[in-house]
Amino acid sequence: MYSADINISPATNAFNSVLHALTGAPLLQKIAGVLEYETEENFAEQGRPNWAPLAPATKAARLKRNNGSSVLMILQDHGVMAASTSSEFGSNFALIGAGGASKDYATIQQIGGDAGKNHQAHIPGRPYLPFTGTIDAPTLQPSAEKNILELISDAARNSFR
């Protein structure tokens, strides 16, 4: 029987290079940046797809509260919620969140639900964070998924250089 020793260390080294490029904080930091960018785009475009319009009562209340002057942009009366969005990353995660002191308000705007006195007002979901669905089963928005997959592809490709 014939046998041969084959040196697979170049393949092993290439695999380890790709593995290193696709794990750890540097890539996850870039992914967290994509999540922030996508969130900012959602606010700028007032949803992608477009959010449900403001209720007439909401428009009237804003105009009254602001002495007849308001931008009337959805989710952007004072900019508190947009300013509360932030990302985090670590060696094995990247995330985006919002809320701070207004986390209940931020959550109801993201996924929708009943709010207000005696929960009489139904708030339609206006996903400003780059995912749809529930908090427990989110689905990335198409542009966020595309941009994250591009980052991963680039990292893998660049690992061979």
Protein backbone atom coordinates (compact mmCIF):
# COMPACT_ATOMS: atom_id res chain seq x y z
CA MET A 1 0.00 0.00 0.00
CA TYR A 2 1.27 3.38 -0.96
CA SER A 3 1.02 6.27 1.53
CA ALA A 4 2.11 9.85 1.39
CA ASP A 5 2.40 12.60 3.90
CA ILE A 6 0.67 15.71 2.67
CA ASN A 7 1.45 19.04 4.24
CA ILE A 8 -1.88 20.78 4.80
CA SER A 9 -0.45 23.61 6.89
CA PRO A 10 -1.06 26.23 4.12
CA ALA A 11 -4.76 25.28 4.09
CA THR A 12 -4.87 25.22 7.88
CA ASN A 13 -3.20 28.63 8.02
CA ALA A 14 -5.68 30.03 5.48
CA PHE A 15 -8.61 28.63 7.46
CA ASN A 16 -7.25 30.09 10.70
CA SER A 17 -6.79 33.46 8.98
CA VAL A 18 -10.43 33.49 7.84
CA LEU A 19 -11.62 32.34 11.26
CA HIS A 20 -9.64 35.12 12.94
CA ALA A 21 -11.05 37.72 10.52
CA LEU A 22 -14.64 36.62 11.20
CA THR A 23 -14.50 36.50 14.98
CA GLY A 24 -13.79 39.04 17.63
CA ALA A 25 -14.38 42.66 18.37
CA PRO A 26 -13.05 44.39 15.21
CA LEU A 27 -15.69 42.86 12.92
CA LEU A 28 -18.39 43.15 15.57
CA GLN A 29 -17.53 46.82 16.09
CA LYS A 30 -18.12 47.40 12.37
CA ILE A 31 -21.42 45.49 12.55
CA ALA A 32 -22.51 47.68 15.48
CA GLY A 33 -21.69 50.70 13.32
CA VAL A 34 -23.89 49.33 10.53
CA LEU A 35 -26.75 48.91 13.01
CA GLU A 36 -26.36 52.56 14.10
CA TYR A 37 -26.23 53.77 10.49
CA GLU A 38 -29.36 51.80 9.57
CA THR A 39 -31.19 53.23 12.60
CA GLU A 40 -30.25 56.78 11.58
CA GLU A 41 -31.48 56.09 8.05
CA ASN A 42 -34.81 54.82 9.44
CA PHE A 43 -35.30 58.11 11.30
CA ALA A 44 -34.23 60.20 8.29
CA GLU A 45 -36.58 58.35 5.91
CA GLN A 46 -39.38 58.05 8.52
CA GLY A 47 -39.27 54.31 8.16
CA ARG A 48 -38.16 51.80 5.55
CA PRO A 49 -40.81 50.85 4.62
CA ASN A 50 -42.65 54.03 5.59
CA TRP A 51 -44.06 54.18 9.09
CA ALA A 52 -47.76 54.63 9.77
CA PRO A 53 -48.59 58.35 9.68
CA LEU A 54 -49.17 60.37 12.83
CA ALA A 55 -52.73 60.32 14.11
CA PRO A 56 -54.60 63.62 13.71
CA ALA A 57 -54.79 63.92 17.51
CA THR A 58 -51.01 63.53 17.77
CA LYS A 59 -50.44 66.24 15.17
CA ALA A 60 -52.82 68.60 16.97
CA ALA A 61 -51.20 67.93 20.36
CA ARG A 62 -47.71 68.59 18.98
CA LEU A 63 -48.75 71.83 17.34
CA LYS A 64 -50.45 72.98 20.54
CA ARG A 65 -47.52 71.98 22.75
CA ASN A 66 -45.04 73.72 20.43
CA ASN A 67 -47.08 76.92 19.99
CA GLY A 68 -48.12 76.11 16.43
CA SER A 69 -44.64 75.12 15.30
CA SER A 70 -43.56 71.53 14.86
CA VAL A 71 -41.65 69.54 12.27
CA LEU A 72 -44.39 66.87 12.47
CA MET A 73 -41.86 64.16 11.67
CA ILE A 74 -42.79 60.74 12.96
CA LEU A 75 -40.89 59.74 16.15
CA GLN A 76 -38.99 63.02 16.10
CA ASP A 77 -40.89 65.58 18.13
CA HIS A 78 -37.95 66.43 20.40
CA GLY A 79 -35.36 63.91 19.23
CA VAL A 80 -35.04 62.25 22.64
CA MET A 81 -35.64 58.72 21.39
CA ALA A 82 -33.32 59.09 18.40
CA ALA A 83 -30.65 60.45 20.74
CA SER A 84 -31.15 57.51 23.10
CA THR A 85 -30.14 54.90 20.51
CA SER A 86 -26.74 53.36 21.03
CA SER A 87 -24.81 50.30 20.03
CA GLU A 88 -22.54 47.98 21.92
CA PHE A 89 -20.18 45.24 20.86
CA GLY A 90 -17.88 42.71 22.43
CA SER A 91 -15.87 39.69 21.45
CA ASN A 92 -19.01 37.73 20.52
CA PHE A 93 -21.88 40.19 20.06
CA ALA A 94 -23.06 43.41 18.41
CA LEU A 95 -26.33 45.05 19.42
CA ILE A 96 -28.39 48.18 19.02
CA GLY A 97 -30.87 49.51 21.53
CA ALA A 98 -32.75 52.59 22.57
CA GLY A 99 -34.67 54.02 25.41
CA GLY A 100 -32.74 54.86 28.50
CA ALA A 101 -35.28 56.57 30.73
CA SER A 102 -37.89 56.26 27.97
CA LYS A 103 -37.42 52.53 27.26
CA ASP A 104 -41.16 51.75 27.55
CA TYR A 105 -41.94 54.46 24.98
CA ALA A 106 -39.11 53.22 22.73
CA THR A 107 -40.36 49.63 22.91
CA ILE A 108 -43.98 50.50 22.08
CA GLN A 109 -42.84 52.57 19.10
CA GLN A 110 -40.64 49.71 17.82
CA ILE A 111 -43.16 46.88 18.06
CA GLY A 112 -46.51 48.61 18.57
CA GLY A 113 -49.16 47.99 21.18
CA ASP A 114 -51.66 49.71 23.44
CA ALA A 115 -50.57 52.76 25.41
CA GLY A 116 -51.86 55.82 27.18
CA LYS A 117 -54.41 56.17 29.95
CA ASN A 118 -56.04 52.76 30.47
CA HIS A 119 -54.20 51.56 27.35
CA GLN A 120 -56.89 53.12 25.16
CA ALA A 121 -54.59 54.26 22.36
CA HIS A 122 -53.23 51.74 19.88
CA ILE A 123 -49.76 52.65 18.67
CA PRO A 124 -48.76 51.01 15.38
CA GLY A 125 -45.27 49.53 15.30
CA ARG A 126 -42.76 51.88 13.71
CA PRO A 127 -39.53 49.90 13.61
CA TYR A 128 -36.83 52.53 13.93
CA LEU A 129 -34.22 49.98 14.98
CA PRO A 130 -33.11 47.95 11.94
CA PHE A 131 -35.27 44.92 12.61
CA THR A 132 -38.90 43.94 12.35
CA GLY A 133 -40.87 41.33 14.24
CA THR A 134 -40.89 40.84 17.97
CA ILE A 135 -38.13 41.54 20.44
CA ASP A 136 -37.75 37.77 20.94
CA ALA A 137 -37.75 36.91 17.21
CA PRO A 138 -36.33 39.87 15.28
CA THR A 139 -35.65 39.90 11.54
CA LEU A 140 -33.03 42.28 10.17
CA GLN A 141 -34.25 44.84 7.67
CA PRO A 142 -33.05 43.96 4.15
CA SER A 143 -30.56 46.84 3.92
CA ALA A 144 -29.07 46.01 7.33
CA GLU A 145 -28.71 42.35 6.38
CA LYS A 146 -27.11 43.26 3.04
CA ASN A 147 -24.61 45.65 4.64
CA ILE A 148 -23.66 43.21 7.39
CA LEU A 149 -23.18 40.37 4.90
CA GLU A 150 -20.96 42.68 2.81
CA LEU A 151 -18.82 43.39 5.90
CA ILE A 152 -18.46 39.68 6.58
CA SER A 153 -17.62 38.92 2.94
CA ASP A 154 -15.04 41.70 2.85
CA ALA A 155 -13.46 40.49 6.09
CA ALA A 156 -13.20 36.95 4.75
CA ARG A 157 -11.80 38.12 1.39
CA ASN A 158 -9.28 40.45 3.04
CA SER A 159 -8.04 37.66 5.31
CA PHE A 160 -6.30 36.11 2.28
CA ARG A 161 -4.25 39.23 1.58
